Amino acid sequence: MKIKQAVITGQGKAELQNLEIDTKLGPDEILVRTECSFISAGTELSIFTAKESQVFQKGSWCAYPWKPGYANVGTVEAVGKSVVRAEKGQRVFTFGPHASHFKYSQNDLVMPVPPKIDPGIAGASRMAGVATAAMAMADRSLHRPNVVVFGLGMVGNLAAQSFQILGGKVVGIDPLPARRKLAGICGIRNTLAGGELKTIEEGLEKLTGNTKADICIDAVGHSSVVLQALSLTANVGQLILLGTPRAPLEGNLTTAFNEIHLRNICVRGALEWCLPVYPPVGMFGYKTLPLLSLWDKQKMIFEWIKEGKLLIEPMISHRLPPSKILDAYQGLLKSPEKFTGVVIEW
């Protein structure tokens, strides 16, 4: 079967290629015709720009040429004999690539898309799945905790929205005025421009009455921001690493470890891939951990979208055809204030 698929061929290079796939399905596979896919500005740009060093390592997960995409909404055209999680003709949300058609295992996340949700928004909700990993990993036993989110790109914005939905007193920090404005449109009431530590503490005190936060979240993926977030985390507080640190940073690790030790701070990674795809069966304590799986998180996200609690549409700035994949990457890279989120319409 002839298909079209986006391929990142080298540093700063991306194109739409004509490829071919075998449509013979394994017992657990489905064939999907894509309606919409969504670009992850974090992961995909890190590979497009070669900030992810493994792009040059032959055999690595992201070695050039790399086929990007993990946010997809499409229609099931065929199913394998053992498939129980999808039906032919059904619109589904998957971690599929930027491709016109693809084969996909039901052992990876596949969910029906509620009829009332626009397919582009459903695809973009994949970033909410990334963002709510911070919420899933945090200890949320505190009543109305003070939460600070560093970085108000799409993932940081959605992380801030999710904690606010659950009753947290949230402050978002980002140096870009356009991102702070967009955060306000999405219902994030309190934002700061950042800057020196003392400046941020003064801003937090005006907004929340405290100079530190119970939960600090780094949604930037830069070690210098993580260190600043650590300083603003309250005693016995939590620091959640939502972004993936990639840029090297030299410094004295003892200073950071000493602060963690002396102030009893819990530092947690929030890479969602560490969670199981589907709810474990019979796992002790599962009822007390409702966000234990990727399926649970996505189900919650769809419910929030339907109820109007989670706002994604304001962050979709562009809907482009697949032929414009290079323009999409360049826009996200060079004009982040204008290219806040890109849906690829197939």
C-alpha atoms as a PDB file:
ATOM      1  CA  MET A   1       0.000   0.000   0.000  1.00  0.00           C
ATOM      2  CA  LYS A   2       1.394   3.411  -0.964  1.00  0.00           C
ATOM      3  CA  ILE A   3       1.391   6.032   1.788  1.00  0.00           C
ATOM      4  CA  LYS A   4       2.770   9.488   2.511  1.00  0.00           C
ATOM      5  CA  GLN A   5       4.840   9.981   5.657  1.00  0.00           C
ATOM      6  CA  ALA A   6       6.854  12.799   7.221  1.00  0.00           C
ATOM      7  CA  VAL A   7      10.558  12.040   7.662  1.00  0.00           C
ATOM      8  CA  ILE A   8      13.253  14.080   9.412  1.00  0.00           C
ATOM      9  CA  THR A   9      16.218  13.294   7.158  1.00  0.00           C
ATOM     10  CA  GLY A  10      18.906  15.317   8.933  1.00  0.00           C
ATOM     11  CA  GLN A  11      19.584  18.365  11.080  1.00  0.00           C
ATOM     12  CA  GLY A  12      17.079  21.034  10.051  1.00  0.00           C
ATOM     13  CA  LYS A  13      15.711  18.839   7.260  1.00  0.00           C
ATOM     14  CA  ALA A  14      12.210  17.364   6.985  1.00  0.00           C
ATOM     15  CA  GLU A  15      10.112  16.247   4.055  1.00  0.00           C
ATOM     16  CA  LEU A  16       7.003  14.322   3.053  1.00  0.00           C
ATOM     17  CA  GLN A  17       8.001  11.048   1.420  1.00  0.00           C
ATOM     18  CA  ASN A  18       6.130   8.517  -0.685  1.00  0.00           C
ATOM     19  CA  LEU A  19       6.561   5.147   1.029  1.00  0.00           C
ATOM     20  CA  GLU A  20       4.948   1.746   0.993  1.00  0.00           C
ATOM     21  CA  ILE A  21       3.670  -0.505   3.795  1.00  0.00           C
ATOM     22  CA  ASP A  22       2.543  -4.115   3.903  1.00  0.00           C
ATOM     23  CA  THR A  23      -1.148  -4.126   4.818  1.00  0.00           C
ATOM     24  CA  LYS A  24      -1.068  -7.693   6.106  1.00  0.00           C
ATOM     25  CA  LEU A  25      -1.959  -7.380   9.783  1.00  0.00           C
ATOM     26  CA  GLY A  26      -0.713  -9.361  12.747  1.00  0.00           C
ATOM     27  CA  PRO A  27      -3.339 -10.618  15.208  1.00  0.00           C
ATOM     28  CA  ASP A  28      -3.007  -7.539  17.473  1.00  0.00           C
ATOM     29  CA  GLU A  29      -2.605  -4.931  14.741  1.00  0.00           C
ATOM     30  CA  ILE A  30      -4.933  -2.356  13.234  1.00  0.00           C
ATOM     31  CA  LEU A  31      -4.635  -0.320  10.043  1.00  0.00           C
ATOM     32  CA  VAL A  32      -5.404   3.367  10.559  1.00  0.00           C
ATOM     33  CA  ARG A  33      -6.119   6.098   8.011  1.00  0.00           C
ATOM     34  CA  THR A  34      -5.011   9.371   9.574  1.00  0.00           C
ATOM     35  CA  GLU A  35      -7.340  12.352   9.841  1.00  0.00           C
ATOM     36  CA  CYS A  36      -5.126  14.607  11.974  1.00  0.00           C
ATOM     37  CA  SER A  37      -1.746  14.406  13.660  1.00  0.00           C
ATOM     38  CA  PHE A  38      -0.158  16.899  16.028  1.00  0.00           C
ATOM     39  CA  ILE A  39       3.446  18.041  16.294  1.00  0.00           C
ATOM     40  CA  SER A  40       5.223  17.721  19.634  1.00  0.00           C
ATOM     41  CA  ALA A  41       7.284  20.901  19.764  1.00  0.00           C
ATOM     42  CA  GLY A  42       9.522  19.420  22.458  1.00  0.00           C
ATOM     43  CA  THR A  43      10.528  15.961  21.277  1.00  0.00           C
ATOM     44  CA  GLU A  44      10.249  16.551  17.546  1.00  0.00           C
ATOM     45  CA  LEU A  45      12.112  19.863  17.537  1.00  0.00           C
ATOM     46  CA  SER A  46      14.891  18.408  19.691  1.00  0.00           C
ATOM     47  CA  ILE A  47      15.439  15.816  16.949  1.00  0.00           C
ATOM     48  CA  PHE A  48      14.873  18.237  14.054  1.00  0.00           C
ATOM     49  CA  THR A  49      17.548  20.552  15.511  1.00  0.00           C
ATOM     50  CA  ALA A  50      19.834  17.699  16.669  1.00  0.00           C
ATOM     51  CA  LYS A  51      19.712  18.871  20.285  1.00  0.00           C
ATOM     52  CA  GLU A  52      19.025  15.209  20.987  1.00  0.00           C
ATOM     53  CA  SER A  53      22.544  13.856  20.488  1.00  0.00           C
ATOM     54  CA  GLN A  54      21.391  10.315  19.706  1.00  0.00           C
ATOM     55  CA  VAL A  55      20.248  11.405  16.236  1.00  0.00           C
ATOM     56  CA  PHE A  56      23.807  10.753  15.079  1.00  0.00           C
ATOM     57  CA  GLN A  57      24.082   7.346  16.756  1.00  0.00           C
ATOM     58  CA  LYS A  58      23.264   4.602  14.288  1.00  0.00           C
ATOM     59  CA  GLY A  59      20.577   2.276  15.627  1.00  0.00           C
ATOM     60  CA  SER A  60      19.323   4.677  18.321  1.00  0.00           C
ATOM     61  CA  TRP A  61      15.602   5.310  18.779  1.00  0.00           C
ATOM     62  CA  CYS A  62      15.813   8.652  16.945  1.00  0.00           C
ATOM     63  CA  ALA A  63      18.679   8.144  14.476  1.00  0.00           C
ATOM     64  CA  TYR A  64      18.405   9.993  11.159  1.00  0.00           C
ATOM     65  CA  PRO A  65      16.407   9.438   9.021  1.00  0.00           C
ATOM     66  CA  TRP A  66      13.645   9.456  11.666  1.00  0.00           C
ATOM     67  CA  LYS A  67       9.888   9.135  11.199  1.00  0.00           C
ATOM     68  CA  PRO A  68       8.325  11.569  13.673  1.00  0.00           C
ATOM     69  CA  GLY A  69       4.962  11.825  15.365  1.00  0.00           C
ATOM     70  CA  TYR A  70       3.188  10.297  18.345  1.00  0.00           C
ATOM     71  CA  ALA A  71      -0.129  12.149  18.391  1.00  0.00           C
ATOM     72  CA  ASN A  72      -2.645  10.833  15.902  1.00  0.00           C
ATOM     73  CA  VAL A  73      -6.399  10.637  15.306  1.00  0.00           C
ATOM     74  CA  GLY A  74      -7.689   8.491  12.480  1.00  0.00           C
ATOM     75  CA  THR A  75     -10.200   5.923  11.271  1.00  0.00           C
ATOM     76  CA  VAL A  76      -9.644   2.187  11.655  1.00  0.00           C
ATOM     77  CA  GLU A  77      -9.732   0.562   8.208  1.00  0.00           C
ATOM     78  CA  ALA A  78      -8.909  -3.029   9.188  1.00  0.00           C
ATOM     79  CA  VAL A  79      -8.281  -5.064  12.338  1.00  0.00           C
ATOM     80  CA  GLY A  80      -6.314  -8.215  13.167  1.00  0.00           C
ATOM     81  CA  LYS A  81      -8.102 -11.330  14.361  1.00  0.00           C
ATOM     82  CA  SER A  82      -7.291 -10.772  18.055  1.00  0.00           C
ATOM     83  CA  VAL A  83      -8.074  -7.043  18.243  1.00  0.00           C
ATOM     84  CA  VAL A  84     -10.558  -6.116  20.981  1.00  0.00           C
ATOM     85  CA  ARG A  85      -9.683  -2.464  21.627  1.00  0.00           C
ATOM     86  CA  ALA A  86     -10.811  -1.033  18.280  1.00  0.00           C
ATOM     87  CA  GLU A  87     -13.392  -1.717  15.565  1.00  0.00           C
ATOM     88  CA  LYS A  88     -13.368  -1.146  11.835  1.00  0.00           C
ATOM     89  CA  GLY A  89     -14.774   2.294  10.997  1.00  0.00           C
ATOM     90  CA  GLN A  90     -14.086   3.685  14.471  1.00  0.00           C
ATOM     91  CA  ARG A  91     -12.309   7.011  14.994  1.00  0.00           C
ATOM     92  CA  VAL A  92      -9.417   6.381  17.379  1.00  0.00           C
ATOM     93  CA  PHE A  93      -6.716   8.256  19.245  1.00  0.00           C
ATOM     94  CA  THR A  94      -3.280   6.615  19.095  1.00  0.00           C
ATOM     95  CA  PHE A  95       0.435   7.322  19.398  1.00  0.00           C
ATOM     96  CA  GLY A  96       0.691   6.950  15.631  1.00  0.00           C
ATOM     97  CA  PRO A  97       3.113   8.894  13.368  1.00  0.00           C
ATOM     98  CA  HIS A  98       2.722  11.716  10.856  1.00  0.00           C
ATOM     99  CA  ALA A  99       1.606   9.381   8.070  1.00  0.00           C
ATOM    100  CA  SER A 100      -1.439   9.020   5.833  1.00  0.00           C
ATOM    101  CA  HIS A 101      -1.823   5.360   6.912  1.00  0.00           C
ATOM    102  CA  PHE A 102       0.005   3.162   9.417  1.00  0.00           C
ATOM    103  CA  LYS A 103      -0.129  -0.196  11.160  1.00  0.00           C
ATOM    104  CA  TYR A 104      -0.436  -0.074  14.936  1.00  0.00           C
ATOM    105  CA  SER A 105      -0.522  -2.551  17.803  1.00  0.00           C
ATOM    106  CA  GLN A 106      -3.469  -2.560  20.191  1.00  0.00           C
ATOM    107  CA  ASN A 107      -0.911  -3.191  22.949  1.00  0.00           C
ATOM    108  CA  ASP A 108       0.005   0.479  22.595  1.00  0.00           C
ATOM    109  CA  LEU A 109      -2.585   3.041  23.612  1.00  0.00           C
ATOM    110  CA  VAL A 110      -5.683   3.111  21.399  1.00  0.00           C
ATOM    111  CA  MET A 111      -8.898   4.825  22.470  1.00  0.00           C
ATOM    112  CA  PRO A 112     -12.166   5.765  20.757  1.00  0.00           C
ATOM    113  CA  VAL A 113     -12.508   9.528  20.278  1.00  0.00           C
ATOM    114  CA  PRO A 114     -15.731  10.931  21.757  1.00  0.00           C
ATOM    115  CA  PRO A 115     -18.007  12.150  18.923  1.00  0.00           C
ATOM    116  CA  LYS A 116     -18.270  15.677  20.327  1.00  0.00           C
ATOM    117  CA  ILE A 117     -14.511  16.302  20.254  1.00  0.00           C
ATOM    118  CA  ASP A 118     -12.995  17.790  17.099  1.00  0.00           C
ATOM    119  CA  PRO A 119     -10.337  15.391  15.712  1.00  0.00           C
ATOM    120  CA  GLY A 120      -7.703  18.146  15.636  1.00  0.00           C
ATOM    121  CA  ILE A 121      -8.298  18.950  19.291  1.00  0.00           C
ATOM    122  CA  ALA A 122      -8.295  15.246  20.115  1.00  0.00           C
ATOM    123  CA  GLY A 123      -4.904  14.890  18.433  1.00  0.00           C
ATOM    124  CA  ALA A 124      -3.548  17.957  20.228  1.00  0.00           C
ATOM    125  CA  SER A 125      -4.746  16.516  23.531  1.00  0.00           C
ATOM    126  CA  ARG A 126      -1.728  14.223  23.265  1.00  0.00           C
ATOM    127  CA  MET A 127       0.250  17.099  24.793  1.00  0.00           C
ATOM    128  CA  ALA A 128      -2.132  17.057  27.746  1.00  0.00           C
ATOM    129  CA  GLY A 129      -1.141  13.424  28.180  1.00  0.00           C
ATOM    130  CA  VAL A 130       2.485  14.551  28.461  1.00  0.00           C
ATOM    131  CA  ALA A 131       1.546  17.387  30.804  1.00  0.00           C
ATOM    132  CA  THR A 132      -0.649  15.416  33.196  1.00  0.00           C
ATOM    133  CA  ALA A 133       2.223  13.035  33.898  1.00  0.00           C
ATOM    134  CA  ALA A 134       3.334  15.723  36.374  1.00  0.00           C
ATOM    135  CA  MET A 135      -0.018  15.483  38.119  1.00  0.00           C
ATOM    136  CA  ALA A 136       0.095  11.699  38.063  1.00  0.00           C
ATOM    137  CA  MET A 137       3.503  11.583  39.716  1.00  0.00           C
ATOM    138  CA  ALA A 138       2.945  14.333  42.294  1.00  0.00           C
ATOM    139  CA  ASP A 139       1.693  13.697  45.808  1.00  0.00           C
ATOM    140  CA  ARG A 140      -1.524  15.693  45.705  1.00  0.00           C
ATOM    141  CA  SER A 141      -2.610  14.967  49.285  1.00  0.00           C
ATOM    142  CA  LEU A 142      -2.224  18.632  50.229  1.00  0.00           C
ATOM    143  CA  HIS A 143      -5.428  20.690  50.230  1.00  0.00           C
ATOM    144  CA  ARG A 144      -5.196  23.391  47.545  1.00  0.00           C
ATOM    145  CA  PRO A 145      -1.385  23.317  47.215  1.00  0.00           C
ATOM    146  CA  ASN A 146       0.599  26.252  45.880  1.00  0.00           C
ATOM    147  CA  VAL A 147       1.931  25.153  42.488  1.00  0.00           C
ATOM    148  CA  VAL A 148       4.492  26.919  40.301  1.00  0.00           C
ATOM    149  CA  VAL A 149       4.967  25.831  36.679  1.00  0.00           C
ATOM    150  CA  PHE A 150       8.131  26.969  34.896  1.00  0.00           C
ATOM    151  CA  GLY A 151       7.523  27.297  31.160  1.00  0.00           C
ATOM    152  CA  LEU A 152       4.163  28.080  29.558  1.00  0.00           C
ATOM    153  CA  GLY A 153       4.602  26.397  26.221  1.00  0.00           C
ATOM    154  CA  MET A 154       1.817  23.982  25.400  1.00  0.00           C
ATOM    155  CA  VAL A 155       2.927  21.297  27.872  1.00  0.00           C
ATOM    156  CA  GLY A 156       3.503  23.771  30.713  1.00  0.00           C
ATOM    157  CA  ASN A 157       0.200  25.517  29.991  1.00  0.00           C
ATOM    158  CA  LEU A 158      -1.683  22.212  30.129  1.00  0.00           C
ATOM    159  CA  ALA A 159       0.150  21.147  33.288  1.00  0.00           C
ATOM    160  CA  ALA A 160      -0.871  24.427  34.921  1.00  0.00           C
ATOM    161  CA  GLN A 161      -4.476  23.957  33.783  1.00  0.00           C
ATOM    162  CA  SER A 162      -4.586  20.407  35.153  1.00  0.00           C
ATOM    163  CA  PHE A 163      -3.372  21.381  38.627  1.00  0.00           C
ATOM    164  CA  GLN A 164      -5.795  24.304  38.636  1.00  0.00           C
ATOM    165  CA  ILE A 165      -8.685  21.983  37.715  1.00  0.00           C
ATOM    166  CA  LEU A 166      -7.814  19.889  40.763  1.00  0.00           C
ATOM    167  CA  GLY A 167      -7.912  22.929  43.036  1.00  0.00           C
ATOM    168  CA  GLY A 168      -4.279  23.984  43.150  1.00  0.00           C
ATOM    169  CA  LYS A 169      -3.313  27.643  43.466  1.00  0.00           C
ATOM    170  CA  VAL A 170      -1.212  27.869  40.313  1.00  0.00           C
ATOM    171  CA  VAL A 171       1.327  30.425  39.122  1.00  0.00           C
ATOM    172  CA  GLY A 172       2.860  30.043  35.658  1.00  0.00           C
ATOM    173  CA  ILE A 173       6.278  31.505  34.832  1.00  0.00           C
ATOM    174  CA  ASP A 174       7.469  32.344  31.324  1.00  0.00           C
ATOM    175  CA  PRO A 175       9.576  35.216  29.911  1.00  0.00           C
ATOM    176  CA  LEU A 176       7.495  35.436  26.709  1.00  0.00           C
ATOM    177  CA  PRO A 177       4.550  37.886  27.028  1.00  0.00           C
ATOM    178  CA  ALA A 178       2.642  36.041  24.267  1.00  0.00           C
ATOM    179  CA  ARG A 179       2.748  32.799  26.248  1.00  0.00           C
ATOM    180  CA  ARG A 180       1.600  34.526  29.431  1.00  0.00           C
ATOM    181  CA  LYS A 181      -1.253  36.135  27.503  1.00  0.00           C
ATOM    182  CA  LEU A 182      -2.266  32.782  26.023  1.00  0.00           C
ATOM    183  CA  ALA A 183      -2.130  31.231  29.493  1.00  0.00           C
ATOM    184  CA  GLY A 184      -4.611  33.857  30.647  1.00  0.00           C
ATOM    185  CA  ILE A 185      -6.919  33.009  27.736  1.00  0.00           C
ATOM    186  CA  CYS A 186      -6.742  29.372  28.889  1.00  0.00           C
ATOM    187  CA  GLY A 187      -7.824  30.340  32.411  1.00  0.00           C
ATOM    188  CA  ILE A 188      -4.451  30.423  34.158  1.00  0.00           C
ATOM    189  CA  ARG A 189      -5.095  33.448  36.301  1.00  0.00           C
ATOM    190  CA  ASN A 190      -1.637  34.116  37.769  1.00  0.00           C
ATOM    191  CA  THR A 191       1.562  34.420  35.738  1.00  0.00           C
ATOM    192  CA  LEU A 192       5.013  35.942  36.173  1.00  0.00           C
ATOM    193  CA  ALA A 193       7.772  36.845  33.725  1.00  0.00           C
ATOM    194  CA  GLY A 194      10.480  35.174  35.777  1.00  0.00           C
ATOM    195  CA  GLY A 195      13.931  36.684  36.210  1.00  0.00           C
ATOM    196  CA  GLU A 196      16.169  36.661  39.256  1.00  0.00           C
ATOM    197  CA  LEU A 197      15.228  34.456  42.200  1.00  0.00           C
ATOM    198  CA  LYS A 198      14.433  37.413  44.465  1.00  0.00           C
ATOM    199  CA  THR A 199      12.169  38.940  41.789  1.00  0.00           C
ATOM    200  CA  ILE A 200      10.210  35.706  41.448  1.00  0.00           C
ATOM    201  CA  GLU A 201       9.878  35.328  45.221  1.00  0.00           C
ATOM    202  CA  GLU A 202       8.494  38.855  45.483  1.00  0.00           C
ATOM    203  CA  GLY A 203       6.019  38.131  42.696  1.00  0.00           C
ATOM    204  CA  LEU A 204       4.921  34.874  44.325  1.00  0.00           C
ATOM    205  CA  GLU A 205       4.397  36.587  47.660  1.00  0.00           C
ATOM    206  CA  LYS A 206       2.129  39.183  46.050  1.00  0.00           C
ATOM    207  CA  LEU A 207       0.087  36.515  44.257  1.00  0.00           C
ATOM    208  CA  THR A 208      -0.034  33.752  46.876  1.00  0.00           C
ATOM    209  CA  GLY A 209       1.245  35.155  50.151  1.00  0.00           C
ATOM    210  CA  ASN A 210       4.253  32.795  50.006  1.00  0.00           C
ATOM    211  CA  THR A 211       7.737  33.072  48.550  1.00  0.00           C
ATOM    212  CA  LYS A 212       7.918  29.347  47.798  1.00  0.00           C
ATOM    213  CA  ALA A 213       5.590  26.654  46.444  1.00  0.00           C
ATOM    214  CA  ASP A 214       4.495  23.242  47.685  1.00  0.00           C
ATOM    215  CA  ILE A 215       4.976  21.845  44.177  1.00  0.00           C
ATOM    216  CA  CYS A 216       7.344  23.240  41.538  1.00  0.00           C
ATOM    217  CA  ILE A 217       7.223  21.866  37.981  1.00  0.00           C
ATOM    218  CA  ASP A 218       9.887  22.313  35.321  1.00  0.00           C
ATOM    219  CA  ALA A 219       8.220  22.184  31.903  1.00  0.00           C
ATOM    220  CA  VAL A 220      11.201  23.761  30.137  1.00  0.00           C
ATOM    221  CA  GLY A 221      13.707  20.931  30.151  1.00  0.00           C
ATOM    222  CA  HIS A 222      16.719  23.056  31.060  1.00  0.00           C
ATOM    223  CA  SER A 223      18.909  22.294  34.060  1.00  0.00           C
ATOM    224  CA  SER A 224      19.350  25.954  35.011  1.00  0.00           C
ATOM    225  CA  VAL A 225      15.564  26.273  35.300  1.00  0.00           C
ATOM    226  CA  VAL A 226      15.447  23.096  37.398  1.00  0.00           C
ATOM    227  CA  LEU A 227      17.940  24.633  39.848  1.00  0.00           C
ATOM    228  CA  GLN A 228      15.855  27.794  40.119  1.00  0.00           C
ATOM    229  CA  ALA A 229      12.722  25.696  40.666  1.00  0.00           C
ATOM    230  CA  LEU A 230      14.556  23.801  43.400  1.00  0.00           C
ATOM    231  CA  SER A 231      15.292  27.059  45.225  1.00  0.00           C
ATOM    232  CA  LEU A 232      11.612  28.019  45.045  1.00  0.00           C
ATOM    233  CA  THR A 233      10.349  24.654  46.344  1.00  0.00           C
ATOM    234  CA  ALA A 234       9.133  24.827  49.948  1.00  0.00           C
ATOM    235  CA  ASN A 235      10.559  22.684  52.731  1.00  0.00           C
ATOM    236  CA  VAL A 236       9.166  19.138  52.457  1.00  0.00           C
ATOM    237  CA  GLY A 237       7.911  20.168  49.021  1.00  0.00           C
ATOM    238  CA  GLN A 238       8.040  18.479  45.627  1.00  0.00           C
ATOM    239  CA  LEU A 239      10.024  19.254  42.502  1.00  0.00           C
ATOM    240  CA  ILE A 240       8.598  17.571  39.379  1.00  0.00           C
ATOM    241  CA  LEU A 241      10.764  17.279  36.253  1.00  0.00           C
ATOM    242  CA  LEU A 242       8.294  17.318  33.377  1.00  0.00           C
ATOM    243  CA  GLY A 243      10.670  18.569  30.702  1.00  0.00           C
ATOM    244  CA  THR A 244      13.574  16.441  29.477  1.00  0.00           C
ATOM    245  CA  PRO A 245      16.919  18.137  30.246  1.00  0.00           C
ATOM    246  CA  ARG A 246      19.119  18.003  27.142  1.00  0.00           C
ATOM    247  CA  ALA A 247      21.508  20.977  27.214  1.00  0.00           C
ATOM    248  CA  PRO A 248      24.696  20.447  29.287  1.00  0.00           C
ATOM    249  CA  LEU A 249      25.213  22.625  32.377  1.00  0.00           C
ATOM    250  CA  GLU A 250      28.323  22.845  34.525  1.00  0.00           C
ATOM    251  CA  GLY A 251      27.976  23.529  38.232  1.00  0.00           C
ATOM    252  CA  ASN A 252      28.399  22.311  41.795  1.00  0.00           C
ATOM    253  CA  LEU A 253      26.069  19.351  42.305  1.00  0.00           C
ATOM    254  CA  THR A 254      26.789  19.308  46.030  1.00  0.00           C
ATOM    255  CA  THR A 255      24.951  22.607  46.447  1.00  0.00           C
ATOM    256  CA  ALA A 256      21.795  21.168  44.851  1.00  0.00           C
ATOM    257  CA  PHE A 257      21.980  17.833  46.696  1.00  0.00           C
ATOM    258  CA  ASN A 258      22.600  19.639  49.968  1.00  0.00           C
ATOM    259  CA  GLU A 259      19.476  21.755  49.489  1.00  0.00           C
ATOM    260  CA  ILE A 260      17.399  18.657  48.686  1.00  0.00           C
ATOM    261  CA  HIS A 261      18.749  16.907  51.773  1.00  0.00           C
ATOM    262  CA  LEU A 262      18.492  19.739  54.285  1.00  0.00           C
ATOM    263  CA  ARG A 263      15.007  20.841  53.210  1.00  0.00           C
ATOM    264  CA  ASN A 264      13.529  17.347  52.723  1.00  0.00           C
ATOM    265  CA  ILE A 265      12.564  18.012  49.114  1.00  0.00           C
ATOM    266  CA  CYS A 266      11.242  15.174  46.964  1.00  0.00           C
ATOM    267  CA  VAL A 267      12.441  15.296  43.342  1.00  0.00           C
ATOM    268  CA  ARG A 268      10.384  13.225  40.905  1.00  0.00           C
ATOM    269  CA  GLY A 269      10.779  12.564  37.219  1.00  0.00           C
ATOM    270  CA  ALA A 270       7.546  12.673  35.207  1.00  0.00           C
ATOM    271  CA  LEU A 271       8.294  10.871  31.964  1.00  0.00           C
ATOM    272  CA  GLU A 272       4.934   9.364  31.121  1.00  0.00           C
ATOM    273  CA  TRP A 273       6.400   6.352  29.322  1.00  0.00           C
ATOM    274  CA  CYS A 274       7.216   4.848  32.730  1.00  0.00           C
ATOM    275  CA  LEU A 275       3.490   4.370  33.366  1.00  0.00           C
ATOM    276  CA  PRO A 276       1.715   1.231  32.109  1.00  0.00           C
ATOM    277  CA  VAL A 277      -0.374   1.685  28.973  1.00  0.00           C
ATOM    278  CA  TYR A 278      -3.569   0.133  30.344  1.00  0.00           C
ATOM    279  CA  PRO A 279      -4.877  -0.224  33.940  1.00  0.00           C
ATOM    280  CA  PRO A 280      -3.095  -3.107  35.688  1.00  0.00           C
ATOM    281  CA  VAL A 281      -5.367  -5.933  36.772  1.00  0.00           C
ATOM    282  CA  GLY A 282      -5.353  -6.835  40.454  1.00  0.00           C
ATOM    283  CA  MET A 283      -2.512  -4.492  41.406  1.00  0.00           C
ATOM    284  CA  PHE A 284      -2.559  -3.679  45.116  1.00  0.00           C
ATOM    285  CA  GLY A 285      -3.546  -0.082  45.793  1.00  0.00           C
ATOM    286  CA  TYR A 286      -4.776   0.588  42.275  1.00  0.00           C
ATOM    287  CA  LYS A 287      -8.002   2.218  43.498  1.00  0.00           C
ATOM    288  CA  THR A 288      -5.945   4.824  45.340  1.00  0.00           C
ATOM    289  CA  LEU A 289      -3.963   5.639  42.184  1.00  0.00           C
ATOM    290  CA  PRO A 290      -6.565   6.566  39.552  1.00  0.00           C
ATOM    291  CA  LEU A 291      -3.929   7.917  37.158  1.00  0.00           C
ATOM    292  CA  LEU A 292      -1.772   4.820  37.171  1.00  0.00           C
ATOM    293  CA  SER A 293      -1.992   4.205  33.409  1.00  0.00           C
ATOM    294  CA  LEU A 294      -1.818   6.163  30.161  1.00  0.00           C
ATOM    295  CA  TRP A 295      -5.367   4.987  29.380  1.00  0.00           C
ATOM    296  CA  ASP A 296      -6.690   6.476  32.638  1.00  0.00           C
ATOM    297  CA  LYS A 297      -4.998   9.785  31.945  1.00  0.00           C
ATOM    298  CA  GLN A 298      -6.335  10.067  28.398  1.00  0.00           C
ATOM    299  CA  LYS A 299      -9.850   9.118  29.492  1.00  0.00           C
ATOM    300  CA  MET A 300      -9.726  11.902  32.089  1.00  0.00           C
ATOM    301  CA  ILE A 301      -8.394  14.367  29.499  1.00  0.00           C
ATOM    302  CA  PHE A 302     -11.262  13.629  27.091  1.00  0.00           C
ATOM    303  CA  GLU A 303     -13.747  14.098  29.940  1.00  0.00           C
ATOM    304  CA  TRP A 304     -12.214  17.443  30.888  1.00  0.00           C
ATOM    305  CA  ILE A 305     -12.354  18.609  27.254  1.00  0.00           C
ATOM    306  CA  LYS A 306     -16.026  17.632  26.933  1.00  0.00           C
ATOM    307  CA  GLU A 307     -16.839  19.439  30.193  1.00  0.00           C
ATOM    308  CA  GLY A 308     -15.037  22.601  29.043  1.00  0.00           C
ATOM    309  CA  LYS A 309     -12.527  22.412  31.889  1.00  0.00           C
ATOM    310  CA  LEU A 310      -9.385  21.849  29.796  1.00  0.00           C
ATOM    311  CA  LEU A 311      -8.842  24.364  26.998  1.00  0.00           C
ATOM    312  CA  ILE A 312      -6.725  23.211  24.072  1.00  0.00           C
ATOM    313  CA  GLU A 313      -8.163  24.990  21.026  1.00  0.00           C
ATOM    314  CA  PRO A 314      -6.676  28.433  21.922  1.00  0.00           C
ATOM    315  CA  MET A 315      -3.198  26.886  21.630  1.00  0.00           C
ATOM    316  CA  ILE A 316      -3.760  25.518  18.111  1.00  0.00           C
ATOM    317  CA  SER A 317      -2.385  28.318  15.955  1.00  0.00           C
ATOM    318  CA  HIS A 318      -2.055  26.457  12.655  1.00  0.00           C
ATOM    319  CA  ARG A 319      -3.746  23.643  10.741  1.00  0.00           C
ATOM    320  CA  LEU A 320      -1.479  22.719   7.845  1.00  0.00           C
ATOM    321  CA  PRO A 321      -1.383  20.060   5.111  1.00  0.00           C
ATOM    322  CA  PRO A 322       1.315  17.357   5.333  1.00  0.00           C
ATOM    323  CA  SER A 323       3.256  18.994   2.499  1.00  0.00           C
ATOM    324  CA  LYS A 324       4.019  21.903   4.865  1.00  0.00           C
ATOM    325  CA  ILE A 325       5.788  19.771   7.490  1.00  0.00           C
ATOM    326  CA  LEU A 326       9.103  21.639   7.070  1.00  0.00           C
ATOM    327  CA  ASP A 327       7.322  25.001   7.354  1.00  0.00           C
ATOM    328  CA  ALA A 328       5.650  23.748  10.535  1.00  0.00           C
ATOM    329  CA  TYR A 329       8.945  22.785  12.171  1.00  0.00           C
ATOM    330  CA  GLN A 330      10.626  26.032  11.151  1.00  0.00           C
ATOM    331  CA  GLY A 331       7.692  28.076  12.448  1.00  0.00           C
ATOM    332  CA  LEU A 332       7.659  26.279  15.800  1.00  0.00           C
ATOM    333  CA  LEU A 333      11.420  26.762  16.077  1.00  0.00           C
ATOM    334  CA  LYS A 334      11.796  30.365  14.925  1.00  0.00           C
ATOM    335  CA  SER A 335       8.427  31.929  15.849  1.00  0.00           C
ATOM    336  CA  PRO A 336       7.153  30.171  19.003  1.00  0.00           C
ATOM    337  CA  GLU A 337       4.998  33.177  19.883  1.00  0.00           C
ATOM    338  CA  LYS A 338       3.049  32.685  16.620  1.00  0.00           C
ATOM    339  CA  PHE A 339       3.327  28.921  16.134  1.00  0.00           C
ATOM    340  CA  THR A 340       1.922  27.766  19.456  1.00  0.00           C
ATOM    341  CA  GLY A 341       0.551  24.449  18.184  1.00  0.00           C
ATOM    342  CA  VAL A 342       0.347  22.801  14.765  1.00  0.00           C
ATOM    343  CA  VAL A 343      -2.220  20.255  13.606  1.00  0.00           C
ATOM    344  CA  ILE A 344      -1.382  18.371  10.408  1.00  0.00           C
ATOM    345  CA  GLU A 345      -4.609  17.703   8.484  1.00  0.00           C
ATOM    346  CA  TRP A 346      -4.408  14.648   6.237  1.00  0.00           C
END
